[in-house]
Structure formats: C-alpha cells, structure tokens
C-alpha cells in the first residue's frame, strides 16, 4: 500500500497540480483534480486507480503514466551543521 492508495481524487484541493509522466517516452503533463472531475464521476477513485487508467497522449505512444504530486513552495537547502 502506497500513498496513492490513501488519497482519493476528491480529497485534493481543486487547484492542486498532478504531474503525470509517461514511463515510455518521458512526456510530462500537468492536470488538476478539477479537470479530471469535469471529465466524469471520478471523485471516488483512489489516486492509484487514476494512475492505472492514465495513458500517454503523445502520438503513437499510449504508454502507462506515473503520477506524482509536486511540492508547492520553495525548496530550501540544508542549513544544519555540527554544533
């Protein structure tokens, strides 16, 4: 069981971004949960099911997609050390 099995599509904020990367050709797409919910009644789906159904739209590819939730905000460097 991964984090994809713990979150349903309707649990995400409407403005959250989902990153879909093709495992075959590497094409990256960004979608929002609102866009997926507008396509049909997908609110009950777990994110693992969304990932399993997603296919690449690149011409001639139709490969499986990997789903990720990109981190919002700035990335901060390590500021620790030995005291």
PDB file of N, CA and C in Angstrom:
ATOM      1  N   UNK A   1       0.843  -1.179   0.000  1.00  0.00           N
ATOM      2  CA  UNK A   1       0.000   0.000   0.000  1.00  0.00           C
ATOM      3  C   UNK A   1       0.886   1.238   0.000  1.00  0.00           C
ATOM      4  N   UNK A   2       0.662   2.124  -0.936  1.00  0.00           N
ATOM      5  CA  UNK A   2       1.455   3.342  -1.038  1.00  0.00           C
ATOM      6  C   UNK A   2       0.577   4.557  -0.748  1.00  0.00           C
ATOM      7  N   UNK A   3       1.161   5.726  -0.851  1.00  0.00           N
ATOM      8  CA  UNK A   3       0.403   6.949  -0.602  1.00  0.00           C
ATOM      9  C   UNK A   3      -0.693   7.128  -1.647  1.00  0.00           C
ATOM     10  N   UNK A   4      -0.546   6.515  -2.823  1.00  0.00           N
ATOM     11  CA  UNK A   4      -1.567   6.612  -3.861  1.00  0.00           C
ATOM     12  C   UNK A   4      -2.852   5.892  -3.459  1.00  0.00           C
ATOM     13  N   UNK A   5      -2.725   4.886  -2.592  1.00  0.00           N
ATOM     14  CA  UNK A   5      -3.893   4.138  -2.126  1.00  0.00           C
ATOM     15  C   UNK A   5      -4.574   4.801  -0.934  1.00  0.00           C
ATOM     16  N   UNK A   6      -3.991   5.862  -0.404  1.00  0.00           N
ATOM     17  CA  UNK A   6      -4.534   6.514   0.786  1.00  0.00           C
ATOM     18  C   UNK A   6      -5.296   7.800   0.469  1.00  0.00           C
ATOM     19  N   UNK A   7      -5.226   8.282  -0.770  1.00  0.00           N
ATOM     20  CA  UNK A   7      -5.845   9.562  -1.134  1.00  0.00           C
ATOM     21  C   UNK A   7      -6.792   9.350  -2.301  1.00  0.00           C
ATOM     22  N   UNK A   8      -8.007   9.865  -2.157  1.00  0.00           N
ATOM     23  CA  UNK A   8      -8.959   9.847  -3.263  1.00  0.00           C
ATOM     24  C   UNK A   8      -8.865  11.170  -4.014  1.00  0.00           C
ATOM     25  N   UNK A   9      -9.324  11.169  -5.240  1.00  0.00           N
ATOM     26  CA  UNK A   9      -9.254  12.359  -6.081  1.00  0.00           C
ATOM     27  C   UNK A   9     -10.033  13.517  -5.472  1.00  0.00           C
ATOM     28  N   UNK A  10     -11.167  13.233  -4.860  1.00  0.00           N
ATOM     29  CA  UNK A  10     -11.986  14.300  -4.277  1.00  0.00           C
ATOM     30  C   UNK A  10     -11.378  14.878  -3.002  1.00  0.00           C
ATOM     31  N   UNK A  11     -10.363  14.216  -2.425  1.00  0.00           N
ATOM     32  CA  UNK A  11      -9.704  14.720  -1.223  1.00  0.00           C
ATOM     33  C   UNK A  11      -8.737  15.863  -1.524  1.00  0.00           C
ATOM     34  N   UNK A  12      -8.316  15.987  -2.766  1.00  0.00           N
ATOM     35  CA  UNK A  12      -7.346  17.018  -3.144  1.00  0.00           C
ATOM     36  C   UNK A  12      -8.033  18.358  -3.361  1.00  0.00           C
ATOM     37  N   UNK A  13      -7.282  19.446  -3.146  1.00  0.00           N
ATOM     38  CA  UNK A  13      -7.795  20.778  -3.458  1.00  0.00           C
ATOM     39  C   UNK A  13      -8.013  20.889  -4.957  1.00  0.00           C
ATOM     40  N   UNK A  14      -8.971  21.719  -5.345  1.00  0.00           N
ATOM     41  CA  UNK A  14      -9.294  21.871  -6.770  1.00  0.00           C
ATOM     42  C   UNK A  14      -8.131  22.469  -7.555  1.00  0.00           C
ATOM     43  N   UNK A  15      -7.279  23.277  -6.897  1.00  0.00           N
ATOM     44  CA  UNK A  15      -6.169  23.921  -7.603  1.00  0.00           C
ATOM     45  C   UNK A  15      -4.848  23.156  -7.450  1.00  0.00           C
ATOM     46  N   UNK A  16      -4.874  21.987  -6.828  1.00  0.00           N
ATOM     47  CA  UNK A  16      -3.660  21.173  -6.715  1.00  0.00           C
ATOM     48  C   UNK A  16      -3.255  20.674  -8.103  1.00  0.00           C
ATOM     49  N   UNK A  17      -1.948  20.474  -8.284  1.00  0.00           N
ATOM     50  CA  UNK A  17      -1.465  20.002  -9.581  1.00  0.00           C
ATOM     51  C   UNK A  17      -1.011  18.559  -9.468  1.00  0.00           C
ATOM     52  N   UNK A  18      -1.417  17.759 -10.437  1.00  0.00           N
ATOM     53  CA  UNK A  18      -0.974  16.372 -10.537  1.00  0.00           C
ATOM     54  C   UNK A  18      -0.006  16.278 -11.710  1.00  0.00           C
ATOM     55  N   UNK A  19       1.142  15.699 -11.481  1.00  0.00           N
ATOM     56  CA  UNK A  19       2.137  15.541 -12.541  1.00  0.00           C
ATOM     57  C   UNK A  19       2.074  14.109 -13.050  1.00  0.00           C
ATOM     58  N   UNK A  20       1.825  13.959 -14.346  1.00  0.00           N
ATOM     59  CA  UNK A  20       1.780  12.644 -14.979  1.00  0.00           C
ATOM     60  C   UNK A  20       2.956  12.534 -15.942  1.00  0.00           C
ATOM     61  N   UNK A  21       3.817  11.550 -15.738  1.00  0.00           N
ATOM     62  CA  UNK A  21       4.993  11.338 -16.574  1.00  0.00           C
ATOM     63  C   UNK A  21       4.868   9.988 -17.265  1.00  0.00           C
ATOM     64  N   UNK A  22       5.064   9.984 -18.579  1.00  0.00           N
ATOM     65  CA  UNK A  22       4.980   8.736 -19.341  1.00  0.00           C
ATOM     66  C   UNK A  22       6.199   7.873 -19.035  1.00  0.00           C
ATOM     67  N   UNK A  23       5.958   6.603 -18.753  1.00  0.00           N
ATOM     68  CA  UNK A  23       7.051   5.677 -18.451  1.00  0.00           C
ATOM     69  C   UNK A  23       7.768   5.219 -19.712  1.00  0.00           C
ATOM     70  N   UNK A  24       7.157   5.448 -20.879  1.00  0.00           N
ATOM     71  CA  UNK A  24       7.750   5.012 -22.137  1.00  0.00           C
ATOM     72  C   UNK A  24       8.551   6.127 -22.806  1.00  0.00           C
ATOM     73  N   UNK A  25       7.899   7.271 -23.052  1.00  0.00           N
ATOM     74  CA  UNK A  25       8.553   8.342 -23.814  1.00  0.00           C
ATOM     75  C   UNK A  25       9.022   9.511 -22.945  1.00  0.00           C
ATOM     76  N   UNK A  26       8.581   9.593 -21.689  1.00  0.00           N
ATOM     77  CA  UNK A  26       9.034  10.656 -20.800  1.00  0.00           C
ATOM     78  C   UNK A  26       8.238  11.947 -20.873  1.00  0.00           C
ATOM     79  N   UNK A  27       7.190  12.002 -21.669  1.00  0.00           N
ATOM     80  CA  UNK A  27       6.356  13.202 -21.789  1.00  0.00           C
ATOM     81  C   UNK A  27       5.711  13.509 -20.438  1.00  0.00           C
ATOM     82  N   UNK A  28       5.691  14.786 -20.058  1.00  0.00           N
ATOM     83  CA  UNK A  28       5.131  15.212 -18.775  1.00  0.00           C
ATOM     84  C   UNK A  28       3.887  16.047 -19.024  1.00  0.00           C
ATOM     85  N   UNK A  29       2.816  15.736 -18.286  1.00  0.00           N
ATOM     86  CA  UNK A  29       1.567  16.506 -18.336  1.00  0.00           C
ATOM     87  C   UNK A  29       1.209  16.922 -16.927  1.00  0.00           C
ATOM     88  N   UNK A  30       0.599  18.099 -16.803  1.00  0.00           N
ATOM     89  CA  UNK A  30       0.101  18.567 -15.519  1.00  0.00           C
ATOM     90  C   UNK A  30      -1.407  18.708 -15.617  1.00  0.00           C
ATOM     91  N   UNK A  31      -2.116  18.140 -14.652  1.00  0.00           N
ATOM     92  CA  UNK A  31      -3.569  18.223 -14.586  1.00  0.00           C
ATOM     93  C   UNK A  31      -3.975  18.657 -13.189  1.00  0.00           C
ATOM     94  N   UNK A  32      -5.179  19.192 -13.080  1.00  0.00           N
ATOM     95  CA  UNK A  32      -5.749  19.494 -11.772  1.00  0.00           C
ATOM     96  C   UNK A  32      -6.869  18.495 -11.502  1.00  0.00           C
ATOM     97  N   UNK A  33      -7.176  18.248 -10.240  1.00  0.00           N
ATOM     98  CA  UNK A  33      -8.312  17.373  -9.937  1.00  0.00           C
ATOM     99  C   UNK A  33      -9.617  17.890 -10.541  1.00  0.00           C
ATOM    100  N   UNK A  34      -9.763  19.206 -10.640  1.00  0.00           N
ATOM    101  CA  UNK A  34     -10.975  19.781 -11.230  1.00  0.00           C
ATOM    102  C   UNK A  34     -11.123  19.365 -12.693  1.00  0.00           C
ATOM    103  N   UNK A  35     -10.014  19.298 -13.435  1.00  0.00           N
ATOM    104  CA  UNK A  35     -10.071  18.874 -14.832  1.00  0.00           C
ATOM    105  C   UNK A  35     -10.511  17.418 -14.940  1.00  0.00           C
ATOM    106  N   UNK A  36     -10.010  16.567 -14.064  1.00  0.00           N
ATOM    107  CA  UNK A  36     -10.392  15.156 -14.096  1.00  0.00           C
ATOM    108  C   UNK A  36     -11.839  14.959 -13.659  1.00  0.00           C
ATOM    109  N   UNK A  37     -12.280  15.730 -12.668  1.00  0.00           N
ATOM    110  CA  UNK A  37     -13.663  15.617 -12.209  1.00  0.00           C
ATOM    111  C   UNK A  37     -14.637  16.108 -13.270  1.00  0.00           C
ATOM    112  N   UNK A  38     -14.201  17.045 -14.127  1.00  0.00           N
ATOM    113  CA  UNK A  38     -15.062  17.548 -15.198  1.00  0.00           C
ATOM    114  C   UNK A  38     -15.262  16.495 -16.295  1.00  0.00           C
ATOM    115  N   UNK A  39     -14.330  15.556 -16.421  1.00  0.00           N
ATOM    116  CA  UNK A  39     -14.444  14.512 -17.446  1.00  0.00           C
ATOM    117  C   UNK A  39     -15.504  13.471 -17.109  1.00  0.00           C
ATOM    118  N   UNK A  40     -15.788  13.296 -15.835  1.00  0.00           N
ATOM    119  CA  UNK A  40     -16.767  12.289 -15.425  1.00  0.00           C
ATOM    120  C   UNK A  40     -16.820  12.187 -13.918  1.00  0.00           C
ATOM    121  N   UNK A  41     -17.483  11.170 -13.430  1.00  0.00           N
ATOM    122  CA  UNK A  41     -17.622  10.960 -11.995  1.00  0.00           C
ATOM    123  C   UNK A  41     -16.427  10.160 -11.480  1.00  0.00           C
ATOM    124  N   UNK A  42     -15.279  10.823 -11.383  1.00  0.00           N
ATOM    125  CA  UNK A  42     -14.052  10.165 -10.957  1.00  0.00           C
ATOM    126  C   UNK A  42     -13.675  10.505  -9.523  1.00  0.00           C
ATOM    127  N   UNK A  43     -14.522  11.210  -8.797  1.00  0.00           N
ATOM    128  CA  UNK A  43     -14.201  11.637  -7.442  1.00  0.00           C
ATOM    129  C   UNK A  43     -13.989  10.489  -6.479  1.00  0.00           C
ATOM    130  N   UNK A  44     -14.616   9.357  -6.725  1.00  0.00           N
ATOM    131  CA  UNK A  44     -14.499   8.206  -5.831  1.00  0.00           C
ATOM    132  C   UNK A  44     -13.230   7.390  -6.073  1.00  0.00           C
ATOM    133  N   UNK A  45     -12.471   7.697  -7.123  1.00  0.00           N
ATOM    134  CA  UNK A  45     -11.282   6.909  -7.459  1.00  0.00           C
ATOM    135  C   UNK A  45     -10.113   7.246  -6.537  1.00  0.00           C
ATOM    136  N   UNK A  46      -9.370   6.222  -6.159  1.00  0.00           N
ATOM    137  CA  UNK A  46      -8.111   6.421  -5.449  1.00  0.00           C
ATOM    138  C   UNK A  46      -7.070   6.877  -6.473  1.00  0.00           C
ATOM    139  N   UNK A  47      -6.044   7.567  -6.028  1.00  0.00           N
ATOM    140  CA  UNK A  47      -5.025   8.049  -6.964  1.00  0.00           C
ATOM    141  C   UNK A  47      -4.306   6.890  -7.651  1.00  0.00           C
ATOM    142  N   UNK A  48      -4.218   5.742  -7.014  1.00  0.00           N
ATOM    143  CA  UNK A  48      -3.608   4.576  -7.672  1.00  0.00           C
ATOM    144  C   UNK A  48      -4.449   4.126  -8.863  1.00  0.00           C
ATOM    145  N   UNK A  49      -5.772   4.260  -8.764  1.00  0.00           N
ATOM    146  CA  UNK A  49      -6.650   3.905  -9.879  1.00  0.00           C
ATOM    147  C   UNK A  49      -6.554   4.935 -10.996  1.00  0.00           C
ATOM    148  N   UNK A  50      -6.377   6.208 -10.623  1.00  0.00           N
ATOM    149  CA  UNK A  50      -6.179   7.255 -11.634  1.00  0.00           C
ATOM    150  C   UNK A  50      -4.897   6.970 -12.403  1.00  0.00           C
ATOM    151  N   UNK A  51      -3.828   6.612 -11.682  1.00  0.00           N
ATOM    152  CA  UNK A  51      -2.552   6.299 -12.324  1.00  0.00           C
ATOM    153  C   UNK A  51      -2.681   5.090 -13.247  1.00  0.00           C
ATOM    154  N   UNK A  52      -3.414   4.073 -12.830  1.00  0.00           N
ATOM    155  CA  UNK A  52      -3.574   2.861 -13.638  1.00  0.00           C
ATOM    156  C   UNK A  52      -4.359   3.135 -14.918  1.00  0.00           C
ATOM    157  N   UNK A  53      -5.303   4.071 -14.870  1.00  0.00           N
ATOM    158  CA  UNK A  53      -6.123   4.375 -16.049  1.00  0.00           C
ATOM    159  C   UNK A  53      -5.461   5.375 -16.998  1.00  0.00           C
ATOM    160  N   UNK A  54      -4.503   6.145 -16.506  1.00  0.00           N
ATOM    161  CA  UNK A  54      -3.885   7.203 -17.313  1.00  0.00           C
ATOM    162  C   UNK A  54      -3.011   6.607 -18.412  1.00  0.00           C
ATOM    163  N   UNK A  55      -3.140   7.146 -19.606  1.00  0.00           N
ATOM    164  CA  UNK A  55      -2.340   6.740 -20.754  1.00  0.00           C
ATOM    165  C   UNK A  55      -1.761   7.982 -21.421  1.00  0.00           C
ATOM    166  N   UNK A  56      -0.599   7.838 -22.019  1.00  0.00           N
ATOM    167  CA  UNK A  56       0.086   8.943 -22.682  1.00  0.00           C
ATOM    168  C   UNK A  56      -0.691   9.381 -23.920  1.00  0.00           C
ATOM    169  N   UNK A  57      -0.794  10.685 -24.111  1.00  0.00           N
ATOM    170  CA  UNK A  57      -1.500  11.241 -25.264  1.00  0.00           C
ATOM    171  C   UNK A  57      -0.555  11.559 -26.423  1.00  0.00           C
ATOM    172  N   UNK A  58       0.744  11.307 -26.223  1.00  0.00           N
ATOM    173  CA  UNK A  58       1.713  11.555 -27.289  1.00  0.00           C
ATOM    174  C   UNK A  58       1.399  10.639 -28.466  1.00  0.00           C
ATOM    175  N   UNK A  59       1.531  11.163 -29.654  1.00  0.00           N
ATOM    176  CA  UNK A  59       1.169  10.412 -30.857  1.00  0.00           C
ATOM    177  C   UNK A  59       1.946   9.097 -30.958  1.00  0.00           C
ATOM    178  N   UNK A  60       1.208   7.999 -31.023  1.00  0.00           N
ATOM    179  CA  UNK A  60       1.807   6.689 -31.197  1.00  0.00           C
ATOM    180  C   UNK A  60       2.376   6.052 -29.938  1.00  0.00           C
ATOM    181  N   UNK A  61       2.275   6.692 -28.790  1.00  0.00           N
ATOM    182  CA  UNK A  61       2.883   6.152 -27.574  1.00  0.00           C
ATOM    183  C   UNK A  61       1.888   5.324 -26.760  1.00  0.00           C
ATOM    184  N   UNK A  62       0.895   5.971 -26.190  1.00  0.00           N
ATOM    185  CA  UNK A  62      -0.116   5.323 -25.338  1.00  0.00           C
ATOM    186  C   UNK A  62       0.488   4.524 -24.183  1.00  0.00           C
ATOM    187  N   UNK A  63       1.627   4.988 -23.666  1.00  0.00           N
ATOM    188  CA  UNK A  63       2.293   4.306 -22.555  1.00  0.00           C
ATOM    189  C   UNK A  63       1.631   4.592 -21.219  1.00  0.00           C
ATOM    190  N   UNK A  64       1.981   3.796 -20.227  1.00  0.00           N
ATOM    191  CA  UNK A  64       1.471   3.987 -18.869  1.00  0.00           C
ATOM    192  C   UNK A  64       2.100   5.239 -18.258  1.00  0.00           C
ATOM    193  N   UNK A  65       1.354   5.897 -17.384  1.00  0.00           N
ATOM    194  CA  UNK A  65       1.808   7.145 -16.773  1.00  0.00           C
ATOM    195  C   UNK A  65       2.120   6.922 -15.293  1.00  0.00           C
ATOM    196  N   UNK A  66       3.087   7.691 -14.779  1.00  0.00           N
ATOM    197  CA  UNK A  66       3.436   7.697 -13.364  1.00  0.00           C
ATOM    198  C   UNK A  66       2.886   8.986 -12.767  1.00  0.00           C
ATOM    199  N   UNK A  67       2.188   8.881 -11.643  1.00  0.00           N
ATOM    200  CA  UNK A  67       1.538  10.022 -11.014  1.00  0.00           C
ATOM    201  C   UNK A  67       2.381  10.538  -9.860  1.00  0.00           C
ATOM    202  N   UNK A  68       2.502  11.864  -9.770  1.00  0.00           N
ATOM    203  CA  UNK A  68       3.222  12.491  -8.661  1.00  0.00           C
ATOM    204  C   UNK A  68       2.497  13.768  -8.263  1.00  0.00           C
ATOM    205  N   UNK A  69       2.639  14.134  -7.004  1.00  0.00           N
ATOM    206  CA  UNK A  69       2.127  15.409  -6.506  1.00  0.00           C
ATOM    207  C   UNK A  69       3.328  16.312  -6.280  1.00  0.00           C
ATOM    208  N   UNK A  70       3.566  17.291  -7.160  1.00  0.00           N
ATOM    209  CA  UNK A  70       4.724  18.162  -6.971  1.00  0.00           C
ATOM    210  C   UNK A  70       4.582  18.991  -5.699  1.00  0.00           C
ATOM    211  N   UNK A  71       5.696  19.246  -5.044  1.00  0.00           N
ATOM    212  CA  UNK A  71       5.721  20.040  -3.818  1.00  0.00           C
ATOM    213  C   UNK A  71       5.482  21.506  -4.148  1.00  0.00           C
ATOM    214  N   UNK A  72       4.611  22.125  -3.383  1.00  0.00           N
ATOM    215  CA  UNK A  72       4.342  23.549  -3.588  1.00  0.00           C
ATOM    216  C   UNK A  72       5.302  24.359  -2.730  1.00  0.00           C
ATOM    217  N   UNK A  73       5.767  25.457  -3.268  1.00  0.00           N
ATOM    218  CA  UNK A  73       6.646  26.325  -2.494  1.00  0.00           C
ATOM    219  C   UNK A  73       8.096  26.166  -2.905  1.00  0.00           C
ATOM    220  N   UNK A  74       8.936  26.865  -2.186  1.00  0.00           N
ATOM    221  CA  UNK A  74      10.356  26.865  -2.498  1.00  0.00           C
ATOM    222  C   UNK A  74      11.055  25.679  -1.852  1.00  0.00           C
ATOM    223  N   UNK A  75      12.103  25.240  -2.489  1.00  0.00           N
ATOM    224  CA  UNK A  75      12.949  24.213  -1.917  1.00  0.00           C
ATOM    225  C   UNK A  75      14.049  24.905  -1.131  1.00  0.00           C
ATOM    226  N   UNK A  76      14.248  24.491   0.102  1.00  0.00           N
ATOM    227  CA  UNK A  76      15.268  25.116   0.940  1.00  0.00           C
ATOM    228  C   UNK A  76      16.429  24.156   1.116  1.00  0.00           C
ATOM    229  N   UNK A  77      17.603  24.711   1.110  1.00  0.00           N
ATOM    230  CA  UNK A  77      18.796  23.904   1.286  1.00  0.00           C
ATOM    231  C   UNK A  77      19.011  23.514   2.739  1.00  0.00           C
ATOM    232  N   UNK A  78      19.914  22.594   2.959  1.00  0.00           N
ATOM    233  CA  UNK A  78      20.242  22.143   4.309  1.00  0.00           C
ATOM    234  C   UNK A  78      21.002  23.242   5.025  1.00  0.00           C
ATOM    235  N   UNK A  79      20.553  23.625   6.213  1.00  0.00           N
ATOM    236  CA  UNK A  79      21.170  24.718   6.949  1.00  0.00           C
ATOM    237  C   UNK A  79      21.694  24.219   8.297  1.00  0.00           C
ATOM    238  N   UNK A  80      21.894  22.940   8.423  1.00  0.00           N
ATOM    239  CA  UNK A  80      22.357  22.387   9.695  1.00  0.00           C
ATOM    240  C   UNK A  80      23.862  22.261   9.725  1.00  0.00           C
ATOM    241  N   UNK A  81      24.344  21.721  10.777  1.00  0.00           N
ATOM    242  CA  UNK A  81      25.771  21.514  10.913  1.00  0.00           C
ATOM    243  C   UNK A  81      26.086  20.933  12.276  1.00  0.00           C
ATOM    244  N   UNK A  82      27.337  20.731  12.511  1.00  0.00           N
ATOM    245  CA  UNK A  82      27.756  20.207  13.805  1.00  0.00           C
ATOM    246  C   UNK A  82      27.969  21.387  14.735  1.00  0.00           C
ATOM    247  N   UNK A  83      27.350  21.314  15.903  1.00  0.00           N
ATOM    248  CA  UNK A  83      27.448  22.430  16.857  1.00  0.00           C
ATOM    249  C   UNK A  83      28.660  22.291  17.731  1.00  0.00           C
TER     250      UNK A  83
END
